[in-house]
Amino acid sequence: MRRVVLCLFVLLSYYSFAATPEDQIMQADRDFNKATQAKRAEGWNSYFAENAAIPSTPPLAGKQAIGEHYRQVFANADFTLAWDPDKAEVFPGGQMGYTTGKYLARFKDKEGNIMEQSGHYITVWKKQQGGSWKIVADTGSEDGPPRAAQ
């Protein structure tokens, strides 16, 4: 009887502390930011699915195109990009979801002044075989024109 009670306690404890799918993609987004800070373009690209897209001008379709573009962006040592997710939602079925949050990019303008560009983003995630989450779409919107860094 004690073993049954102990097993029930362990199972209930596990399920009460198990991460929700929303927690999983919030953590994936935080880890994506950390990987980008640590490894720049390599970290950035490692979170994208093979069929990912970024609706930019021109649009970037596929992990290879995204990687080629962002290797050039991150090659500029003066460019940094950081973000913080503030919301996650997973669609019914548990296979896709999104995170939203705020980002801050820093770079030098043509005169060598350090500038900041803030904005909001949305990242769409898809659960992969094996349980990890990868990005299938990513986009953002600027809060306004770049400003001198503070």
N, C-alpha and C. Protein backbone atom coordinates (compact mmCIF):
# COMPACT_ATOMS: atom_id res chain seq x y z
N MET A 1 0.81 -1.19 0.00
CA MET A 1 0.00 0.00 0.00
C MET A 1 0.86 1.26 0.00
N ARG A 2 1.92 1.24 0.80
CA ARG A 2 2.81 2.40 0.85
C ARG A 2 3.45 2.67 -0.52
N ARG A 3 3.80 1.59 -1.21
CA ARG A 3 4.41 1.76 -2.54
C ARG A 3 3.42 2.39 -3.51
N VAL A 4 2.17 1.99 -3.44
CA VAL A 4 1.15 2.56 -4.32
C VAL A 4 0.99 4.04 -4.04
N VAL A 5 0.91 4.41 -2.77
CA VAL A 5 0.77 5.81 -2.39
C VAL A 5 2.00 6.60 -2.82
N LEU A 6 3.17 6.04 -2.62
CA LEU A 6 4.41 6.71 -3.02
C LEU A 6 4.45 6.90 -4.54
N CYS A 7 4.08 5.87 -5.30
CA CYS A 7 4.07 5.98 -6.77
C CYS A 7 3.08 7.05 -7.22
N LEU A 8 1.90 7.07 -6.62
CA LEU A 8 0.91 8.10 -6.97
C LEU A 8 1.43 9.49 -6.66
N PHE A 9 2.08 9.64 -5.51
CA PHE A 9 2.64 10.93 -5.13
C PHE A 9 3.70 11.39 -6.14
N VAL A 10 4.58 10.48 -6.52
CA VAL A 10 5.65 10.81 -7.49
C VAL A 10 5.04 11.20 -8.83
N LEU A 11 4.07 10.44 -9.32
CA LEU A 11 3.43 10.75 -10.60
C LEU A 11 2.70 12.09 -10.56
N LEU A 12 1.95 12.33 -9.51
CA LEU A 12 1.23 13.61 -9.40
C LEU A 12 2.19 14.77 -9.29
N SER A 13 3.28 14.59 -8.57
CA SER A 13 4.29 15.65 -8.45
C SER A 13 4.91 15.95 -9.80
N TYR A 14 5.23 14.90 -10.55
CA TYR A 14 5.84 15.08 -11.87
C TYR A 14 4.91 15.88 -12.78
N TYR A 15 3.66 15.47 -12.85
CA TYR A 15 2.73 16.13 -13.76
C TYR A 15 2.37 17.54 -13.32
N SER A 16 2.41 17.83 -12.04
CA SER A 16 2.09 19.18 -11.60
C SER A 16 3.24 20.15 -11.91
N PHE A 17 4.46 19.62 -12.07
CA PHE A 17 5.61 20.48 -12.35
C PHE A 17 6.09 20.38 -13.80
N ALA A 18 5.46 19.56 -14.62
CA ALA A 18 5.86 19.42 -16.01
C ALA A 18 5.61 20.72 -16.76
N ALA A 19 6.51 21.06 -17.63
CA ALA A 19 6.39 22.31 -18.39
C ALA A 19 5.24 22.20 -19.39
N THR A 20 4.48 23.26 -19.49
CA THR A 20 3.42 23.32 -20.50
C THR A 20 4.05 23.59 -21.86
N PRO A 21 3.34 23.35 -22.94
CA PRO A 21 3.89 23.71 -24.26
C PRO A 21 4.23 25.20 -24.35
N GLU A 22 3.44 26.05 -23.71
CA GLU A 22 3.76 27.50 -23.70
C GLU A 22 5.08 27.76 -22.98
N ASP A 23 5.29 27.07 -21.86
CA ASP A 23 6.57 27.21 -21.15
C ASP A 23 7.72 26.75 -22.03
N GLN A 24 7.49 25.68 -22.80
CA GLN A 24 8.55 25.13 -23.65
C GLN A 24 8.95 26.13 -24.73
N ILE A 25 7.98 26.78 -25.39
CA ILE A 25 8.40 27.70 -26.45
C ILE A 25 8.91 29.02 -25.88
N MET A 26 8.44 29.42 -24.69
CA MET A 26 9.05 30.60 -24.04
C MET A 26 10.53 30.30 -23.75
N GLN A 27 10.81 29.10 -23.23
CA GLN A 27 12.19 28.74 -22.95
C GLN A 27 12.99 28.61 -24.25
N ALA A 28 12.38 28.04 -25.29
CA ALA A 28 13.08 27.94 -26.58
C ALA A 28 13.45 29.33 -27.09
N ASP A 29 12.54 30.31 -26.93
CA ASP A 29 12.83 31.67 -27.39
C ASP A 29 13.95 32.30 -26.57
N ARG A 30 13.93 32.08 -25.26
CA ARG A 30 15.02 32.60 -24.42
C ARG A 30 16.36 31.94 -24.80
N ASP A 31 16.32 30.63 -25.05
CA ASP A 31 17.55 29.93 -25.46
C ASP A 31 18.03 30.40 -26.83
N PHE A 32 17.08 30.70 -27.72
CA PHE A 32 17.40 31.25 -29.04
C PHE A 32 18.15 32.58 -28.88
N ASN A 33 17.68 33.44 -28.00
CA ASN A 33 18.36 34.71 -27.73
C ASN A 33 19.77 34.47 -27.18
N LYS A 34 19.89 33.56 -26.20
CA LYS A 34 21.20 33.27 -25.61
C LYS A 34 22.17 32.72 -26.66
N ALA A 35 21.68 31.82 -27.52
CA ALA A 35 22.53 31.24 -28.56
C ALA A 35 22.99 32.32 -29.54
N THR A 36 22.09 33.26 -29.85
CA THR A 36 22.44 34.34 -30.77
C THR A 36 23.48 35.26 -30.13
N GLN A 37 23.34 35.55 -28.83
CA GLN A 37 24.32 36.39 -28.15
C GLN A 37 25.69 35.71 -28.13
N ALA A 38 25.70 34.42 -27.90
CA ALA A 38 26.96 33.68 -27.78
C ALA A 38 27.63 33.38 -29.12
N LYS A 39 26.83 33.00 -30.13
CA LYS A 39 27.40 32.51 -31.39
C LYS A 39 27.00 33.34 -32.60
N ARG A 40 26.26 34.43 -32.36
CA ARG A 40 25.84 35.35 -33.42
C ARG A 40 25.10 34.60 -34.53
N ALA A 41 25.52 34.66 -35.78
CA ALA A 41 24.77 34.08 -36.89
C ALA A 41 24.59 32.57 -36.74
N GLU A 42 25.60 31.88 -36.26
CA GLU A 42 25.50 30.43 -36.08
C GLU A 42 24.42 30.09 -35.05
N GLY A 43 24.39 30.83 -33.94
CA GLY A 43 23.36 30.62 -32.93
C GLY A 43 21.99 30.96 -33.45
N TRP A 44 21.90 32.08 -34.18
CA TRP A 44 20.63 32.51 -34.78
C TRP A 44 20.07 31.42 -35.70
N ASN A 45 20.88 30.98 -36.62
CA ASN A 45 20.41 30.04 -37.65
C ASN A 45 20.08 28.65 -37.09
N SER A 46 20.69 28.30 -35.98
CA SER A 46 20.49 26.95 -35.43
C SER A 46 19.06 26.70 -34.95
N TYR A 47 18.28 27.75 -34.77
CA TYR A 47 16.91 27.58 -34.28
C TYR A 47 15.86 27.54 -35.39
N PHE A 48 16.27 27.69 -36.63
CA PHE A 48 15.31 27.72 -37.73
C PHE A 48 15.10 26.33 -38.33
N ALA A 49 13.84 26.03 -38.67
CA ALA A 49 13.50 24.80 -39.38
C ALA A 49 13.96 24.95 -40.83
N GLU A 50 14.12 23.84 -41.51
CA GLU A 50 14.56 23.85 -42.91
C GLU A 50 13.62 24.66 -43.81
N ASN A 51 12.33 24.64 -43.51
CA ASN A 51 11.34 25.33 -44.36
C ASN A 51 10.93 26.69 -43.81
N ALA A 52 11.74 27.28 -42.96
CA ALA A 52 11.41 28.56 -42.33
C ALA A 52 11.36 29.70 -43.34
N ALA A 53 10.68 30.76 -42.94
CA ALA A 53 10.58 31.96 -43.79
C ALA A 53 10.63 33.21 -42.93
N ILE A 54 11.23 34.25 -43.49
CA ILE A 54 11.22 35.57 -42.88
C ILE A 54 10.69 36.54 -43.94
N PRO A 55 9.53 37.16 -43.66
CA PRO A 55 8.94 38.07 -44.65
C PRO A 55 9.63 39.43 -44.63
N SER A 56 10.77 39.50 -45.28
CA SER A 56 11.53 40.75 -45.39
C SER A 56 11.53 41.17 -46.85
N THR A 57 12.29 42.18 -47.16
CA THR A 57 12.42 42.62 -48.55
C THR A 57 13.87 42.42 -48.98
N PRO A 58 14.17 41.44 -49.81
CA PRO A 58 13.26 40.43 -50.35
C PRO A 58 12.98 39.36 -49.29
N PRO A 59 11.90 38.60 -49.47
CA PRO A 59 11.58 37.53 -48.50
C PRO A 59 12.70 36.49 -48.46
N LEU A 60 12.91 35.94 -47.27
CA LEU A 60 13.91 34.89 -47.09
C LEU A 60 13.17 33.58 -46.88
N ALA A 61 13.35 32.63 -47.78
CA ALA A 61 12.65 31.35 -47.72
C ALA A 61 13.66 30.22 -47.57
N GLY A 62 13.56 29.48 -46.49
CA GLY A 62 14.43 28.34 -46.24
C GLY A 62 15.58 28.70 -45.31
N LYS A 63 16.00 27.71 -44.56
CA LYS A 63 17.07 27.89 -43.58
C LYS A 63 18.37 28.36 -44.24
N GLN A 64 18.67 27.86 -45.43
CA GLN A 64 19.90 28.25 -46.10
C GLN A 64 19.89 29.74 -46.46
N ALA A 65 18.79 30.23 -47.03
CA ALA A 65 18.70 31.65 -47.39
C ALA A 65 18.75 32.53 -46.15
N ILE A 66 18.09 32.10 -45.10
CA ILE A 66 18.11 32.86 -43.84
C ILE A 66 19.53 32.91 -43.30
N GLY A 67 20.21 31.77 -43.31
CA GLY A 67 21.58 31.71 -42.82
C GLY A 67 22.53 32.60 -43.61
N GLU A 68 22.42 32.57 -44.93
CA GLU A 68 23.29 33.40 -45.77
C GLU A 68 23.07 34.88 -45.48
N HIS A 69 21.82 35.29 -45.36
CA HIS A 69 21.51 36.70 -45.09
C HIS A 69 22.05 37.13 -43.72
N TYR A 70 21.77 36.34 -42.70
CA TYR A 70 22.15 36.75 -41.35
C TYR A 70 23.63 36.56 -41.06
N ARG A 71 24.34 35.74 -41.83
CA ARG A 71 25.81 35.72 -41.70
C ARG A 71 26.37 37.08 -42.09
N GLN A 72 25.81 37.69 -43.13
CA GLN A 72 26.25 39.03 -43.54
C GLN A 72 25.88 40.07 -42.48
N VAL A 73 24.68 39.98 -41.94
CA VAL A 73 24.23 40.94 -40.92
C VAL A 73 25.13 40.86 -39.69
N PHE A 74 25.35 39.64 -39.19
CA PHE A 74 26.14 39.46 -37.97
C PHE A 74 27.64 39.58 -38.21
N ALA A 75 28.08 39.63 -39.46
CA ALA A 75 29.50 39.86 -39.75
C ALA A 75 29.92 41.26 -39.31
N ASN A 76 28.97 42.17 -39.23
CA ASN A 76 29.24 43.52 -38.73
C ASN A 76 29.38 43.43 -37.21
N ALA A 77 30.60 43.57 -36.71
CA ALA A 77 30.87 43.44 -35.28
C ALA A 77 30.13 44.48 -34.45
N ASP A 78 29.72 45.58 -35.06
CA ASP A 78 29.01 46.63 -34.34
C ASP A 78 27.51 46.34 -34.20
N PHE A 79 27.03 45.29 -34.85
CA PHE A 79 25.61 44.96 -34.80
C PHE A 79 25.34 43.96 -33.67
N THR A 80 24.37 44.28 -32.84
CA THR A 80 23.88 43.34 -31.83
C THR A 80 22.37 43.31 -31.88
N LEU A 81 21.81 42.19 -31.50
CA LEU A 81 20.37 42.01 -31.47
C LEU A 81 20.03 41.17 -30.25
N ALA A 82 19.14 41.70 -29.42
CA ALA A 82 18.69 40.97 -28.23
C ALA A 82 17.18 41.14 -28.12
N TRP A 83 16.54 40.16 -27.49
CA TRP A 83 15.09 40.23 -27.34
C TRP A 83 14.67 39.50 -26.09
N ASP A 84 13.42 39.73 -25.71
CA ASP A 84 12.86 39.11 -24.52
C ASP A 84 11.40 38.76 -24.79
N PRO A 85 11.06 37.46 -24.80
CA PRO A 85 9.67 37.10 -25.04
C PRO A 85 8.80 37.46 -23.85
N ASP A 86 7.58 37.91 -24.14
CA ASP A 86 6.67 38.23 -23.04
C ASP A 86 5.35 37.47 -23.12
N LYS A 87 5.13 36.72 -24.21
CA LYS A 87 3.90 35.95 -24.34
C LYS A 87 4.15 34.75 -25.23
N ALA A 88 3.48 33.65 -24.90
CA ALA A 88 3.52 32.46 -25.74
C ALA A 88 2.13 31.85 -25.78
N GLU A 89 1.79 31.31 -26.92
CA GLU A 89 0.53 30.60 -27.06
C GLU A 89 0.77 29.43 -28.00
N VAL A 90 0.20 28.29 -27.65
CA VAL A 90 0.28 27.10 -28.49
C VAL A 90 -1.11 26.82 -29.03
N PHE A 91 -1.19 26.54 -30.32
CA PHE A 91 -2.47 26.30 -30.97
C PHE A 91 -3.02 24.92 -30.58
N PRO A 92 -4.34 24.74 -30.69
CA PRO A 92 -4.91 23.42 -30.40
C PRO A 92 -4.18 22.34 -31.22
N GLY A 93 -3.93 21.24 -30.60
CA GLY A 93 -3.17 20.17 -31.23
C GLY A 93 -1.75 20.13 -30.71
N GLY A 94 -1.26 21.26 -30.18
CA GLY A 94 0.04 21.29 -29.54
C GLY A 94 1.26 21.21 -30.43
N GLN A 95 1.09 21.36 -31.75
CA GLN A 95 2.23 21.22 -32.66
C GLN A 95 2.81 22.54 -33.16
N MET A 96 2.04 23.63 -33.02
CA MET A 96 2.53 24.94 -33.45
C MET A 96 2.12 25.98 -32.42
N GLY A 97 2.92 27.02 -32.33
CA GLY A 97 2.62 28.11 -31.42
C GLY A 97 3.45 29.32 -31.80
N TYR A 98 3.32 30.37 -30.98
CA TYR A 98 4.08 31.58 -31.27
C TYR A 98 4.52 32.24 -29.97
N THR A 99 5.57 33.04 -30.08
CA THR A 99 6.01 33.91 -29.00
C THR A 99 6.03 35.32 -29.53
N THR A 100 5.80 36.27 -28.64
CA THR A 100 5.92 37.68 -28.97
C THR A 100 6.77 38.34 -27.89
N GLY A 101 7.33 39.47 -28.25
CA GLY A 101 8.13 40.20 -27.28
C GLY A 101 8.72 41.45 -27.88
N LYS A 102 9.69 41.99 -27.17
CA LYS A 102 10.37 43.22 -27.59
C LYS A 102 11.81 42.89 -27.96
N TYR A 103 12.32 43.63 -28.94
CA TYR A 103 13.72 43.45 -29.33
C TYR A 103 14.44 44.79 -29.30
N LEU A 104 15.76 44.72 -29.26
CA LEU A 104 16.61 45.90 -29.35
C LEU A 104 17.82 45.56 -30.21
N ALA A 105 17.98 46.29 -31.28
CA ALA A 105 19.15 46.16 -32.15
C ALA A 105 20.05 47.37 -31.93
N ARG A 106 21.33 47.15 -31.94
CA ARG A 106 22.32 48.24 -31.84
C ARG A 106 23.28 48.12 -33.01
N PHE A 107 23.67 49.29 -33.54
CA PHE A 107 24.56 49.33 -34.69
C PHE A 107 25.14 50.73 -34.79
N LYS A 108 26.13 50.89 -35.67
CA LYS A 108 26.70 52.22 -35.92
C LYS A 108 26.10 52.76 -37.21
N ASP A 109 25.77 54.06 -37.19
CA ASP A 109 25.29 54.69 -38.42
C ASP A 109 26.48 55.09 -39.29
N LYS A 110 26.21 55.75 -40.41
CA LYS A 110 27.27 56.10 -41.37
C LYS A 110 28.32 57.02 -40.77
N GLU A 111 27.92 57.82 -39.76
CA GLU A 111 28.86 58.73 -39.11
C GLU A 111 29.60 58.09 -37.94
N GLY A 112 29.31 56.83 -37.66
CA GLY A 112 29.98 56.12 -36.58
C GLY A 112 29.30 56.24 -35.23
N ASN A 113 28.11 56.84 -35.19
CA ASN A 113 27.37 56.96 -33.93
C ASN A 113 26.67 55.64 -33.61
N ILE A 114 26.68 55.27 -32.34
CA ILE A 114 25.99 54.05 -31.93
C ILE A 114 24.50 54.36 -31.85
N MET A 115 23.72 53.56 -32.57
CA MET A 115 22.28 53.76 -32.66
C MET A 115 21.54 52.55 -32.10
N GLU A 116 20.27 52.79 -31.74
CA GLU A 116 19.40 51.73 -31.26
C GLU A 116 18.12 51.70 -32.08
N GLN A 117 17.63 50.51 -32.31
CA GLN A 117 16.34 50.33 -32.98
C GLN A 117 15.55 49.34 -32.13
N SER A 118 14.46 49.79 -31.55
CA SER A 118 13.63 48.89 -30.75
C SER A 118 12.38 48.52 -31.54
N GLY A 119 11.75 47.45 -31.12
CA GLY A 119 10.54 47.02 -31.79
C GLY A 119 9.92 45.83 -31.11
N HIS A 120 8.91 45.30 -31.74
CA HIS A 120 8.20 44.12 -31.27
C HIS A 120 8.31 43.03 -32.33
N TYR A 121 8.26 41.79 -31.90
CA TYR A 121 8.40 40.67 -32.84
C TYR A 121 7.36 39.60 -32.56
N ILE A 122 7.19 38.74 -33.55
CA ILE A 122 6.42 37.51 -33.39
C ILE A 122 7.21 36.40 -34.08
N THR A 123 7.34 35.29 -33.37
CA THR A 123 8.05 34.12 -33.89
C THR A 123 7.09 32.94 -33.84
N VAL A 124 6.96 32.25 -34.96
CA VAL A 124 6.09 31.07 -35.04
C VAL A 124 6.97 29.83 -34.92
N TRP A 125 6.59 28.94 -34.01
CA TRP A 125 7.35 27.74 -33.70
C TRP A 125 6.56 26.49 -34.10
N LYS A 126 7.29 25.46 -34.52
CA LYS A 126 6.67 24.17 -34.83
C LYS A 126 7.42 23.08 -34.08
N LYS A 127 6.65 22.22 -33.44
CA LYS A 127 7.24 21.11 -32.70
C LYS A 127 7.79 20.10 -33.69
N GLN A 128 9.02 19.66 -33.45
CA GLN A 128 9.71 18.72 -34.32
C GLN A 128 9.57 17.29 -33.79
N GLN A 129 9.84 16.33 -34.65
CA GLN A 129 9.91 14.96 -34.15
C GLN A 129 10.99 14.91 -33.10
N GLY A 130 10.73 14.28 -32.00
CA GLY A 130 11.68 14.27 -30.90
C GLY A 130 11.34 15.29 -29.83
N GLY A 131 10.44 16.22 -30.14
CA GLY A 131 9.94 17.14 -29.13
C GLY A 131 10.53 18.53 -29.08
N SER A 132 11.61 18.80 -29.83
CA SER A 132 12.17 20.15 -29.81
C SER A 132 11.28 21.09 -30.63
N TRP A 133 11.49 22.38 -30.46
CA TRP A 133 10.73 23.39 -31.21
C TRP A 133 11.68 24.15 -32.12
N LYS A 134 11.26 24.37 -33.37
CA LYS A 134 12.05 25.13 -34.34
C LYS A 134 11.19 26.27 -34.90
N ILE A 135 11.86 27.30 -35.35
CA ILE A 135 11.17 28.47 -35.91
C ILE A 135 10.80 28.20 -37.36
N VAL A 136 9.54 28.49 -37.69
CA VAL A 136 9.09 28.38 -39.08
C VAL A 136 8.79 29.75 -39.69
N ALA A 137 8.63 30.78 -38.85
CA ALA A 137 8.44 32.14 -39.36
C ALA A 137 8.84 33.13 -38.26
N ASP A 138 9.40 34.25 -38.68
CA ASP A 138 9.86 35.26 -37.73
C ASP A 138 9.75 36.62 -38.38
N THR A 139 9.16 37.57 -37.68
CA THR A 139 9.07 38.93 -38.21
C THR A 139 8.93 39.91 -37.06
N GLY A 140 9.12 41.17 -37.37
CA GLY A 140 9.02 42.20 -36.35
C GLY A 140 8.59 43.52 -36.93
N SER A 141 8.34 44.46 -36.04
CA SER A 141 7.91 45.80 -36.43
C SER A 141 8.66 46.81 -35.56
N GLU A 142 9.24 47.80 -36.21
CA GLU A 142 10.01 48.82 -35.50
C GLU A 142 9.08 49.74 -34.72
N ASP A 143 9.55 50.19 -33.55
CA ASP A 143 8.77 51.14 -32.75
C ASP A 143 8.81 52.54 -33.32
N GLY A 144 9.80 52.84 -34.11
CA GLY A 144 9.98 54.17 -34.70
C GLY A 144 11.34 54.21 -35.34
N PRO A 145 11.81 55.38 -35.72
CA PRO A 145 13.14 55.48 -36.35
C PRO A 145 14.25 55.16 -35.34
N PRO A 146 15.41 54.74 -35.84
CA PRO A 146 16.54 54.52 -34.93
C PRO A 146 16.86 55.79 -34.18
N ARG A 147 17.41 55.63 -32.98
CA ARG A 147 17.78 56.77 -32.13
C ARG A 147 19.18 56.54 -31.57
N ALA A 148 19.79 57.60 -31.11
CA ALA A 148 21.11 57.49 -30.50
C ALA A 148 21.02 56.59 -29.28
N ALA A 149 22.00 55.69 -29.13
CA ALA A 149 22.00 54.75 -28.00
C ALA A 149 22.17 55.51 -26.70
N GLN A 150 21.56 54.98 -25.68
CA GLN A 150 21.66 55.60 -24.35
C GLN A 150 22.59 54.84 -23.47
